[in-house]
Amino acid sequence: MDNTSYIIKYVALYLRKSRGEEDTDLEKHRFILREICVKHGWKYVEYVEIASSETIEYRPKFKSLLSDVEEGIYDAVLVVDYQRLGRGELEDQGKIKRIFRDSETYIVTPEKIYNLVDDTDDLLVDVRGLLARQEYKTTTKNLQRGKKIGARLGKWTNGPAPFPYVYVAAIKGIEVVPEKNVVYQEMKSRILGGESLESIGWDFNRRGIPGPGPKNGLWHSNTMRRIVISEVHLGKIISNKTKGSGHKKKKAQPLVINPREEWVIVENCHAAVKTEEEHMKLLAMLEKGQIVPNRAKAGTYALSGLVFCGKCKKMMRYNVRSDGYSTNSIKACNKYDHFGNYCSNSGVKVSILTDFIDREIADYEQRIIDSDNYINTDVIEKLERIIREKETQLTKLNRALSKIKEMYEMEEYTREEYEERKVKRQQEISALESELAVHRYEINYDSREKNKERMKLIKSFKDIWSSESATGHDKNMIAKMIISRIEYIYDKSTNNLNISIQFN
């Protein structure tokens, strides 16, 4: 690599660990790039990406590097080979080229310096990008094929090992962790004995038993359900259960659950922690105890999804008879926290809540009529609180930015440290200022236009709620357009009832 015709002083080192590479590979690349900097007397800042995607959107360090390159902070960016910058979709490669070309920033590898302003280098980069993209597709295909073959050979290829197992790289499989298995066996036997998932979870949390997963958090009934119904605990490895991806942003085929007859099931891959008979009993018991409030979720009743407990803030539900009909009352709050503490908020008649709503709607309408510039004080107070908090954060960030400059002037920071810290703070300040602008706009929104919309909704609400032909679903739909939530606390012993309402 000849750099005699290029003026380069400040550079960025971009290091990215690709799939299948070891930590030693990353260190080797770092050594190579640092040696180049030492040889030519270049000052450098490192940007390190671990196990990242090929798509720019999911590579935070690279996004930060591109932003810095676009601002002209560096003379060049060093990589061990061009494909480290990207071998994703053509639009990503085009974006990378444009930023480097427009900022006149060089791309440096151990073999060559690319100047994208030069037509020859520009064409060469296009060819290298196309080859890199093809290589990526081939590598991805080989990895997917290897995963499928590994599963058929009884190797664990399904991500983190489920509780109570641990992945063992030496055997490319999973093994039972004895102390975790003690917890699993207790959980299994208690469920088979008729105990609920909730009560078992509360007991485990009270006893300080670490939950599953890397964070060892609290036990939850949904987590426990997934554990006890898993067929992995029968000693099996199952693959080809799905195809596509459920990720909301990545470009891929939509997630599809394959029928069981298409699954690849390999038996006796690791030690089982339950029998087939126990597995079937667990499924039967969990199915029997499963309660899904479909009516409430569908907004069947007028106040479905709108009434909340004023004590624990959980959603309240209608009392429903065994034949599915509402009893026209809200059920007492029967929620527990993660330690089994019971919420004692009493139930209340729906008519009491609807009468309260009618009065509040009338008052709400009158406030709008009385004032041409009526504003929803609840919303405004919330926005003002958010703005104050963000303004405080902004003041702190500006102080920090000034302090960084002072430290650099006092030679406490090197140029590289100064640039890195300054850019980070500037990005945070820019993001905060954008958020503040949005919130200030919300406060200054044209009150007259907003109030016209409110008055139309109130009229529709009154018409629908007074109509004998309107269904509970109809009432619920219009109510949710005006009301965000209703909270109450009812003490039956003193007959003390406090209700509050929040409008959208």
Protein backbone atom coordinates (compact mmCIF):
# COMPACT_ATOMS: atom_id res chain seq x y z
CA MET A 1 0.00 0.00 0.00
CA ASP A 2 1.50 3.31 -1.13
CA ASN A 3 0.22 6.42 0.63
CA THR A 4 2.72 8.95 -0.69
CA SER A 5 0.11 10.71 -2.84
CA TYR A 6 -2.50 10.93 -0.07
CA ILE A 7 -2.70 13.33 2.88
CA ILE A 8 -3.87 11.27 5.86
CA LYS A 9 -3.52 12.20 9.54
CA TYR A 10 -6.69 11.25 11.45
CA VAL A 11 -8.32 7.89 10.78
CA ALA A 12 -11.02 5.56 12.13
CA LEU A 13 -10.44 1.83 12.61
CA TYR A 14 -13.56 -0.24 11.92
CA LEU A 15 -13.41 -3.73 13.39
CA ARG A 16 -16.27 -6.16 12.92
CA LYS A 17 -16.52 -9.73 14.14
CA SER A 18 -18.48 -11.75 11.60
CA ARG A 19 -20.43 -14.93 12.22
CA GLY A 20 -18.23 -17.96 12.78
CA GLU A 21 -15.19 -15.91 13.83
CA GLU A 22 -13.47 -16.11 17.20
CA ASP A 23 -12.37 -13.29 19.52
CA THR A 24 -8.80 -14.01 18.46
CA ASP A 25 -9.71 -13.06 14.87
CA LEU A 26 -10.87 -9.65 16.07
CA GLU A 27 -7.63 -9.12 17.99
CA LYS A 28 -5.59 -10.15 14.95
CA HIS A 29 -7.41 -7.59 12.78
CA ARG A 30 -6.90 -4.91 15.44
CA PHE A 31 -3.16 -5.66 15.50
CA ILE A 32 -2.90 -5.38 11.69
CA LEU A 33 -4.69 -2.04 11.53
CA ARG A 34 -2.82 -0.55 14.47
CA GLU A 35 0.49 -1.53 12.89
CA ILE A 36 -0.49 0.40 9.75
CA CYS A 37 -1.29 3.48 11.86
CA VAL A 38 2.00 3.26 13.75
CA LYS A 39 3.95 2.81 10.51
CA HIS A 40 2.48 5.94 8.89
CA GLY A 41 2.11 8.03 12.06
CA TRP A 42 -1.69 8.21 11.85
CA LYS A 43 -3.82 9.03 14.88
CA TYR A 44 -6.85 6.77 15.19
CA VAL A 45 -10.17 6.03 16.94
CA GLU A 46 -11.63 2.51 17.07
CA TYR A 47 -15.20 1.48 16.24
CA VAL A 48 -15.81 -2.14 17.24
CA GLU A 49 -18.91 -4.14 16.24
CA ILE A 50 -19.62 -7.61 17.69
CA ALA A 51 -21.94 -10.20 16.07
CA SER A 52 -23.67 -7.58 13.94
CA SER A 53 -26.10 -7.75 11.04
CA GLU A 54 -25.21 -7.09 7.42
CA THR A 55 -27.93 -4.40 7.33
CA ILE A 56 -26.77 -0.91 8.35
CA GLU A 57 -29.93 -0.39 10.45
CA TYR A 58 -28.82 -3.09 12.90
CA ARG A 59 -25.15 -2.03 13.13
CA PRO A 60 -25.09 0.84 15.67
CA LYS A 61 -21.31 1.35 15.65
CA PHE A 62 -21.20 1.48 11.87
CA LYS A 63 -24.11 3.95 11.80
CA SER A 64 -22.13 6.13 14.22
CA LEU A 65 -19.02 5.81 12.02
CA LEU A 66 -20.96 6.80 8.87
CA SER A 67 -22.35 9.84 10.68
CA ASP A 68 -18.82 10.90 11.67
CA VAL A 69 -17.51 10.30 8.14
CA GLU A 70 -20.35 12.38 6.72
CA GLU A 71 -19.28 15.28 8.97
CA GLY A 72 -15.71 15.00 7.66
CA ILE A 73 -14.12 14.11 10.99
CA TYR A 74 -11.64 11.60 9.52
CA ASP A 75 -9.30 11.56 6.56
CA ALA A 76 -9.72 7.80 6.10
CA VAL A 77 -11.32 4.64 7.50
CA LEU A 78 -9.20 1.51 7.93
CA VAL A 79 -10.60 -2.03 7.53
CA VAL A 80 -8.85 -5.39 7.03
CA ASP A 81 -10.81 -5.85 3.80
CA TYR A 82 -13.47 -3.86 1.97
CA GLN A 83 -16.30 -6.32 2.70
CA ARG A 84 -16.08 -5.46 6.42
CA LEU A 85 -17.85 -2.20 5.60
CA GLY A 86 -20.82 -4.04 4.16
CA ARG A 87 -21.98 -6.80 1.90
CA GLY A 88 -25.70 -6.30 2.38
CA GLU A 89 -28.35 -5.00 0.00
CA LEU A 90 -27.39 -2.78 -2.95
CA GLU A 91 -29.07 0.29 -1.41
CA ASP A 92 -26.85 -0.05 1.69
CA GLN A 93 -23.73 -0.35 -0.44
CA GLY A 94 -24.82 2.68 -2.45
CA LYS A 95 -25.30 4.71 0.73
CA ILE A 96 -21.83 3.77 1.99
CA LYS A 97 -20.23 4.77 -1.32
CA ARG A 98 -22.08 8.10 -1.46
CA ILE A 99 -21.03 9.13 2.07
CA PHE A 100 -17.37 8.28 1.51
CA ARG A 101 -17.34 9.94 -1.93
CA ASP A 102 -19.13 13.16 -0.88
CA SER A 103 -16.97 13.59 2.24
CA GLU A 104 -13.80 12.71 0.25
CA THR A 105 -12.87 10.15 2.90
CA TYR A 106 -10.52 7.35 1.84
CA ILE A 107 -11.11 3.66 2.50
CA VAL A 108 -7.84 2.00 3.49
CA THR A 109 -7.05 -1.73 3.53
CA PRO A 110 -3.62 -3.35 4.04
CA GLU A 111 -3.39 -3.74 0.26
CA LYS A 112 -4.84 -0.53 -1.15
CA ILE A 113 -6.21 2.97 -0.58
CA TYR A 114 -9.56 3.58 -2.29
CA ASN A 115 -10.46 7.12 -3.33
CA LEU A 116 -14.10 7.04 -4.46
CA VAL A 117 -13.75 10.40 -6.19
CA ASP A 118 -11.57 8.53 -8.67
CA ASP A 119 -13.65 6.69 -11.33
CA THR A 120 -11.35 3.66 -11.38
CA ASP A 121 -11.54 3.15 -7.62
CA ASP A 122 -15.29 3.77 -7.72
CA LEU A 123 -15.74 0.97 -10.28
CA LEU A 124 -13.40 -1.34 -8.35
CA VAL A 125 -15.44 -0.84 -5.17
CA ASP A 126 -18.63 -1.72 -7.09
CA VAL A 127 -17.06 -5.00 -8.22
CA ARG A 128 -15.78 -5.83 -4.74
CA GLY A 129 -19.20 -5.04 -3.23
CA LEU A 130 -20.94 -7.35 -5.71
CA LEU A 131 -18.51 -10.18 -4.97
CA ALA A 132 -18.89 -9.61 -1.22
CA ARG A 133 -22.69 -9.76 -1.53
CA GLN A 134 -22.50 -13.05 -3.41
CA GLU A 135 -20.09 -14.47 -0.83
CA TYR A 136 -22.46 -13.43 1.97
CA LYS A 137 -25.39 -15.20 0.32
CA THR A 138 -23.32 -18.37 -0.10
CA THR A 139 -22.09 -18.24 3.50
CA THR A 140 -25.62 -17.71 4.85
CA LYS A 141 -26.94 -20.63 2.80
CA ASN A 142 -24.13 -22.89 4.06
CA LEU A 143 -24.77 -21.85 7.67
CA GLN A 144 -28.49 -22.61 7.37
CA ARG A 145 -27.73 -25.95 5.75
CA GLY A 146 -25.22 -26.74 8.51
CA LYS A 147 -27.79 -25.89 11.19
CA LYS A 148 -30.35 -28.24 9.65
CA ILE A 149 -27.82 -31.06 9.30
CA GLY A 150 -26.62 -30.48 12.87
CA ALA A 151 -30.17 -30.76 14.21
CA ARG A 152 -30.71 -34.02 12.33
CA LEU A 153 -27.50 -35.35 13.88
CA GLY A 154 -28.75 -34.52 17.38
CA LYS A 155 -26.65 -31.34 17.85
CA TRP A 156 -28.15 -28.35 19.66
CA THR A 157 -28.66 -25.50 17.14
CA ASN A 158 -31.69 -23.73 18.63
CA GLY A 159 -30.06 -20.83 20.51
CA PRO A 160 -29.75 -20.60 24.31
CA ALA A 161 -30.33 -23.85 26.22
CA PRO A 162 -33.75 -24.03 27.92
CA PHE A 163 -34.08 -24.31 31.71
CA PRO A 164 -32.75 -26.57 33.39
CA TYR A 165 -30.10 -27.28 30.71
CA VAL A 166 -26.82 -25.62 29.74
CA TYR A 167 -25.10 -25.66 26.36
CA VAL A 168 -21.77 -27.54 26.28
CA ALA A 169 -19.63 -26.56 23.29
CA ALA A 170 -17.38 -29.62 23.54
CA ILE A 171 -20.27 -31.96 22.68
CA LYS A 172 -22.29 -29.37 20.73
CA GLY A 173 -25.24 -30.35 22.86
CA ILE A 174 -27.01 -29.57 26.14
CA GLU A 175 -26.66 -31.11 29.60
CA VAL A 176 -28.80 -30.96 32.74
CA VAL A 177 -27.66 -28.54 35.47
CA PRO A 178 -28.30 -30.51 38.73
CA GLU A 179 -29.25 -27.53 40.95
CA LYS A 180 -31.62 -26.17 38.27
CA ASN A 181 -33.13 -29.61 37.80
CA VAL A 182 -34.08 -29.70 41.50
CA VAL A 183 -36.18 -26.57 40.90
CA TYR A 184 -37.63 -28.01 37.68
CA GLN A 185 -38.64 -31.29 39.35
CA GLU A 186 -40.34 -29.40 42.21
CA MET A 187 -42.22 -27.21 39.73
CA LYS A 188 -43.31 -30.23 37.69
CA SER A 189 -44.51 -32.26 40.69
CA ARG A 190 -46.43 -29.32 42.17
CA ILE A 191 -48.24 -28.69 38.88
CA LEU A 192 -49.07 -32.40 38.62
CA GLY A 193 -50.37 -32.13 42.17
CA GLY A 194 -52.88 -29.50 41.08
CA GLU A 195 -51.12 -26.31 42.17
CA SER A 196 -51.41 -23.23 39.94
CA LEU A 197 -48.49 -21.70 38.07
CA GLU A 198 -49.10 -18.37 39.82
CA SER A 199 -48.82 -19.79 43.35
CA ILE A 200 -45.67 -21.74 42.48
CA GLY A 201 -44.11 -18.62 40.95
CA TRP A 202 -44.95 -16.54 44.03
CA ASP A 203 -43.38 -19.16 46.27
CA PHE A 204 -40.20 -19.34 44.16
CA ASN A 205 -39.91 -15.52 44.20
CA ARG A 206 -40.41 -15.35 47.99
CA ARG A 207 -37.72 -17.99 48.46
CA GLY A 208 -35.33 -16.06 46.24
CA ILE A 209 -34.95 -18.85 43.68
CA PRO A 210 -33.32 -17.33 40.55
CA GLY A 211 -35.60 -17.36 37.51
CA PRO A 212 -34.61 -18.76 34.12
CA GLY A 213 -32.68 -16.78 31.54
CA PRO A 214 -29.38 -14.90 31.67
CA LYS A 215 -30.70 -12.21 34.06
CA ASN A 216 -32.08 -14.70 36.62
CA GLY A 217 -35.10 -12.45 37.19
CA LEU A 218 -38.50 -13.20 38.75
CA TRP A 219 -40.65 -16.19 37.91
CA HIS A 220 -43.74 -15.56 35.76
CA SER A 221 -46.58 -17.94 34.94
CA ASN A 222 -46.13 -17.54 31.16
CA THR A 223 -42.45 -18.42 31.43
CA MET A 224 -43.22 -21.46 33.54
CA ARG A 225 -45.89 -22.58 31.08
CA ARG A 226 -43.39 -22.46 28.19
CA ILE A 227 -40.91 -24.49 30.21
CA VAL A 228 -43.22 -27.30 31.28
CA ILE A 229 -44.83 -27.84 27.85
CA SER A 230 -41.49 -27.98 26.00
CA GLU A 231 -40.65 -31.31 24.34
CA VAL A 232 -36.94 -30.60 24.73
CA HIS A 233 -37.33 -31.90 28.30
CA LEU A 234 -38.22 -35.30 26.82
CA GLY A 235 -34.69 -35.58 25.42
CA LYS A 236 -35.74 -34.46 21.94
CA ILE A 237 -34.37 -31.88 19.53
CA ILE A 238 -36.98 -30.47 17.14
CA SER A 239 -36.18 -28.47 14.03
CA ASN A 240 -38.11 -27.15 11.01
CA LYS A 241 -40.94 -25.96 13.26
CA THR A 242 -41.04 -22.61 11.49
CA LYS A 243 -39.89 -20.86 8.36
CA GLY A 244 -39.37 -17.18 7.67
CA SER A 245 -38.87 -14.54 10.33
CA GLY A 246 -41.14 -12.83 12.83
CA HIS A 247 -38.87 -9.78 12.98
CA LYS A 248 -40.83 -6.59 12.27
CA LYS A 249 -38.08 -4.76 10.39
CA LYS A 250 -35.72 -7.26 8.79
CA LYS A 251 -36.40 -8.15 5.18
CA ALA A 252 -37.41 -11.81 5.22
CA GLN A 253 -40.30 -14.12 4.52
CA PRO A 254 -43.07 -13.77 7.12
CA LEU A 255 -43.00 -16.22 10.01
CA VAL A 256 -45.00 -19.40 9.34
CA ILE A 257 -45.57 -22.27 11.78
CA ASN A 258 -45.10 -25.55 9.92
CA PRO A 259 -47.54 -28.44 10.59
CA ARG A 260 -46.19 -31.03 13.02
CA GLU A 261 -45.81 -33.66 10.30
CA GLU A 262 -43.14 -31.46 8.71
CA TRP A 263 -41.11 -31.14 11.91
CA VAL A 264 -37.80 -32.97 12.19
CA ILE A 265 -37.80 -34.70 15.60
CA VAL A 266 -34.62 -36.42 16.80
CA GLU A 267 -35.06 -38.64 19.88
CA ASN A 268 -32.66 -39.37 22.77
CA CYS A 269 -30.32 -36.43 22.13
CA HIS A 270 -29.77 -35.55 25.80
CA ALA A 271 -30.98 -36.55 29.28
CA ALA A 272 -34.76 -36.27 29.69
CA VAL A 273 -36.15 -34.57 32.81
CA LYS A 274 -39.74 -35.78 32.39
CA THR A 275 -41.52 -38.82 30.94
CA GLU A 276 -43.99 -38.92 28.06
CA GLU A 277 -46.77 -39.73 30.55
CA GLU A 278 -45.87 -36.71 32.70
CA HIS A 279 -45.72 -34.52 29.60
CA MET A 280 -49.26 -35.48 28.51
CA LYS A 281 -50.61 -34.94 32.05
CA LEU A 282 -48.99 -31.49 32.20
CA LEU A 283 -50.54 -30.50 28.88
CA ALA A 284 -53.97 -31.70 30.00
CA MET A 285 -53.81 -29.90 33.35
CA LEU A 286 -52.58 -26.62 31.85
CA GLU A 287 -55.21 -26.74 29.11
CA LYS A 288 -57.96 -27.27 31.66
CA GLY A 289 -56.82 -24.34 33.79
CA GLN A 290 -56.29 -21.93 30.93
CA ILE A 291 -58.62 -18.89 31.03
CA VAL A 292 -58.68 -16.53 28.08
CA PRO A 293 -61.09 -13.58 28.52
CA ASN A 294 -62.04 -13.38 24.84
CA ARG A 295 -65.08 -11.18 25.45
CA ALA A 296 -63.07 -8.58 27.33
CA LYS A 297 -60.28 -8.62 24.72
CA ALA A 298 -62.79 -8.13 21.91
CA GLY A 299 -64.43 -5.16 23.63
CA THR A 300 -67.73 -7.01 24.02
CA TYR A 301 -68.84 -4.83 26.94
CA ALA A 302 -69.20 -1.04 26.99
CA LEU A 303 -66.31 -0.47 29.43
CA SER A 304 -64.01 -3.33 28.35
CA GLY A 305 -60.37 -2.32 28.63
CA LEU A 306 -61.15 1.07 30.18
CA VAL A 307 -61.59 0.37 33.91
CA PHE A 308 -58.46 0.07 36.07
CA CYS A 309 -57.83 -0.59 39.74
CA GLY A 310 -56.84 2.60 41.56
CA LYS A 311 -54.64 0.59 43.94
CA CYS A 312 -52.56 -1.79 41.81
CA LYS A 313 -53.26 -0.06 38.44
CA LYS A 314 -54.21 -3.41 36.83
CA MET A 315 -57.12 -3.71 34.41
CA MET A 316 -60.48 -4.65 35.95
CA ARG A 317 -62.89 -7.15 34.38
CA TYR A 318 -66.64 -7.63 34.16
CA ASN A 319 -68.38 -10.21 36.31
CA VAL A 320 -69.56 -12.86 33.85
CA ARG A 321 -71.98 -15.72 34.55
CA SER A 322 -71.19 -19.30 33.62
CA ASP A 323 -73.42 -18.93 30.53
CA GLY A 324 -71.32 -15.99 29.32
CA TYR A 325 -73.68 -13.10 30.13
CA SER A 326 -72.54 -10.02 32.00
CA THR A 327 -73.91 -9.45 35.51
CA ASN A 328 -73.64 -5.66 35.04
CA SER A 329 -70.94 -5.30 37.66
CA ILE A 330 -67.16 -5.02 37.70
CA LYS A 331 -65.40 -7.91 39.38
CA ALA A 332 -63.41 -7.24 42.55
CA CYS A 333 -59.69 -6.90 41.82
CA ASN A 334 -58.16 -10.35 42.33
CA LYS A 335 -54.64 -9.47 41.20
CA TYR A 336 -51.47 -10.45 43.04
CA ASP A 337 -47.98 -9.02 42.77
CA HIS A 338 -44.98 -11.27 42.11
CA PHE A 339 -44.78 -12.13 45.81
CA GLY A 340 -48.44 -13.14 46.17
CA ASN A 341 -49.69 -9.97 47.92
CA TYR A 342 -53.43 -9.62 47.24
CA CYS A 343 -55.13 -6.42 46.01
CA SER A 344 -58.31 -5.84 48.04
CA ASN A 345 -60.15 -3.34 45.81
CA SER A 346 -63.88 -4.22 45.82
CA GLY A 347 -66.14 -4.65 42.80
CA VAL A 348 -68.66 -2.02 41.78
CA LYS A 349 -71.86 -1.80 39.72
CA VAL A 350 -71.37 -0.76 36.09
CA SER A 351 -74.28 1.67 36.41
CA ILE A 352 -72.35 3.67 39.03
CA LEU A 353 -69.44 4.04 36.58
CA THR A 354 -71.66 4.91 33.60
CA ASP A 355 -73.53 7.56 35.62
CA PHE A 356 -70.16 9.04 36.59
CA ILE A 357 -69.05 8.99 32.93
CA ASP A 358 -72.24 10.75 31.79
CA ARG A 359 -71.66 13.54 34.34
CA GLU A 360 -67.99 13.91 33.43
CA ILE A 361 -68.72 13.93 29.68
CA ALA A 362 -71.30 16.68 30.19
CA ASP A 363 -68.85 18.69 32.27
CA TYR A 364 -66.11 18.07 29.68
CA GLU A 365 -68.37 19.33 26.90
CA GLN A 366 -69.35 22.43 28.88
CA ARG A 367 -65.72 23.34 29.54
CA ILE A 368 -65.06 23.24 25.79
CA ILE A 369 -68.17 25.36 25.03
CA ASP A 370 -67.26 27.92 27.72
CA SER A 371 -63.76 28.42 26.38
CA ASP A 372 -62.77 28.82 22.75
CA ASN A 373 -59.27 27.79 23.74
CA TYR A 374 -60.06 24.91 26.07
CA ILE A 375 -57.15 22.54 26.57
CA ASN A 376 -56.94 19.14 28.21
CA THR A 377 -55.00 20.04 31.37
CA ASP A 378 -54.09 16.40 32.10
CA VAL A 379 -52.35 16.07 28.75
CA ILE A 380 -50.72 19.50 28.99
CA GLU A 381 -49.41 18.87 32.51
CA LYS A 382 -47.92 15.58 31.39
CA LEU A 383 -46.24 17.23 28.39
CA GLU A 384 -44.95 20.11 30.52
CA ARG A 385 -43.46 17.64 32.99
CA ILE A 386 -41.73 15.75 30.17
CA ILE A 387 -40.40 19.04 28.72
CA ARG A 388 -39.00 20.12 32.12
CA GLU A 389 -37.26 16.78 32.55
CA LYS A 390 -35.76 16.90 29.06
CA GLU A 391 -34.67 20.54 29.48
CA THR A 392 -32.83 19.51 32.66
CA GLN A 393 -31.14 16.68 30.74
CA LEU A 394 -30.24 19.11 27.95
CA THR A 395 -28.64 21.53 30.43
CA LYS A 396 -26.55 18.70 31.88
CA LEU A 397 -25.45 17.54 28.43
CA ASN A 398 -24.41 21.06 27.42
CA ARG A 399 -22.39 21.36 30.63
CA ALA A 400 -20.78 18.00 29.88
CA LEU A 401 -19.90 19.18 26.37
CA SER A 402 -18.25 22.33 27.78
CA LYS A 403 -16.36 20.21 30.29
CA ILE A 404 -15.07 17.95 27.50
CA LYS A 405 -13.70 20.99 25.66
CA GLU A 406 -12.03 22.26 28.86
CA MET A 407 -10.43 18.87 29.48
CA TYR A 408 -9.07 18.87 25.92
CA GLU A 409 -7.67 22.40 26.27
CA MET A 410 -5.98 21.33 29.52
CA GLU A 411 -4.54 18.34 27.60
CA GLU A 412 -6.35 15.87 29.86
CA TYR A 413 -7.87 14.30 26.72
CA THR A 414 -6.14 13.35 23.50
CA ARG A 415 -7.62 14.59 20.22
CA GLU A 416 -9.13 11.12 19.63
CA GLU A 417 -10.74 11.04 23.09
CA TYR A 418 -12.01 14.59 22.63
CA GLU A 419 -13.56 13.88 19.22
CA GLU A 420 -15.17 10.64 20.43
CA ARG A 421 -16.70 12.22 23.53
CA LYS A 422 -17.73 15.42 21.71
CA VAL A 423 -19.53 13.55 18.92
CA LYS A 424 -21.36 11.33 21.40
CA ARG A 425 -22.61 14.31 23.43
CA GLN A 426 -23.57 16.25 20.29
CA GLN A 427 -25.66 13.33 19.07
CA GLU A 428 -27.43 13.09 22.44
CA ILE A 429 -28.08 16.85 22.43
CA SER A 430 -29.45 16.74 18.88
CA ALA A 431 -31.81 13.86 19.75
CA LEU A 432 -33.07 15.67 22.87
CA GLU A 433 -33.64 18.92 20.99
CA SER A 434 -35.70 17.05 18.38
CA GLU A 435 -37.84 15.45 21.10
CA LEU A 436 -38.35 18.82 22.79
CA ALA A 437 -39.44 20.39 19.51
CA VAL A 438 -42.08 17.69 19.06
CA HIS A 439 -43.45 18.10 22.60
CA ARG A 440 -43.55 21.91 22.31
CA TYR A 441 -45.46 21.57 19.06
CA GLU A 442 -47.97 19.29 20.79
CA ILE A 443 -48.59 21.93 23.46
CA ASN A 444 -49.03 24.68 20.86
CA TYR A 445 -51.35 22.61 18.66
CA ASP A 446 -54.30 24.66 17.27
CA SER A 447 -56.82 24.44 20.13
CA ARG A 448 -59.79 25.46 18.00
CA GLU A 449 -59.29 22.63 15.51
CA LYS A 450 -58.70 20.14 18.32
CA ASN A 451 -61.87 21.24 20.08
CA LYS A 452 -63.92 20.78 16.89
CA GLU A 453 -62.78 17.17 16.82
CA ARG A 454 -63.64 16.76 20.53
CA MET A 455 -67.15 18.13 20.08
CA LYS A 456 -67.85 15.77 17.16
CA LEU A 457 -66.70 12.79 19.24
CA ILE A 458 -68.80 13.84 22.23
CA LYS A 459 -71.90 14.08 20.02
CA SER A 460 -71.20 10.62 18.57
CA PHE A 461 -70.62 9.26 22.06
CA LYS A 462 -73.97 10.58 23.31
CA ASP A 463 -75.85 9.28 20.27
CA ILE A 464 -74.42 5.78 20.50
CA TRP A 465 -74.66 5.43 24.29
CA SER A 466 -78.29 6.56 24.28
CA SER A 467 -79.26 4.28 21.38
CA GLU A 468 -81.19 1.13 22.29
CA SER A 469 -79.88 -0.67 19.20
CA ALA A 470 -76.18 0.02 19.93
CA THR A 471 -74.21 -3.04 21.04
CA GLY A 472 -71.69 -3.17 23.86
CA HIS A 473 -68.98 -3.31 21.21
CA ASP A 474 -70.28 -0.13 19.53
CA LYS A 475 -70.27 1.71 22.87
CA ASN A 476 -66.81 0.44 23.71
CA MET A 477 -65.36 1.62 20.38
CA ILE A 478 -66.61 5.22 20.75
CA ALA A 479 -65.75 5.35 24.48
CA LYS A 480 -62.11 4.46 23.75
CA MET A 481 -61.89 7.36 21.30
CA ILE A 482 -62.68 9.83 24.10
CA ILE A 483 -61.59 8.12 27.32
CA SER A 484 -58.10 6.76 27.99
CA ARG A 485 -58.85 5.18 31.39
CA ILE A 486 -61.16 5.16 34.42
CA GLU A 487 -59.75 4.35 37.85
CA TYR A 488 -61.59 3.71 41.08
CA ILE A 489 -60.92 2.65 44.67
CA TYR A 490 -63.87 1.22 46.59
CA ASP A 491 -63.79 0.38 50.29
CA LYS A 492 -66.95 -1.61 51.05
CA SER A 493 -66.53 -1.40 54.82
CA THR A 494 -66.82 2.41 54.77
CA ASN A 495 -68.78 2.64 51.49
CA ASN A 496 -66.14 5.10 50.31
CA LEU A 497 -65.82 5.24 46.49
CA ASN A 498 -63.33 7.41 44.62
CA ILE A 499 -63.50 7.52 40.80
CA SER A 500 -61.29 9.39 38.36
CA ILE A 501 -61.37 9.66 34.59
CA GLN A 502 -58.74 10.63 31.99
CA PHE A 503 -59.78 11.94 28.57
CA ASN A 504 -57.67 11.51 25.44
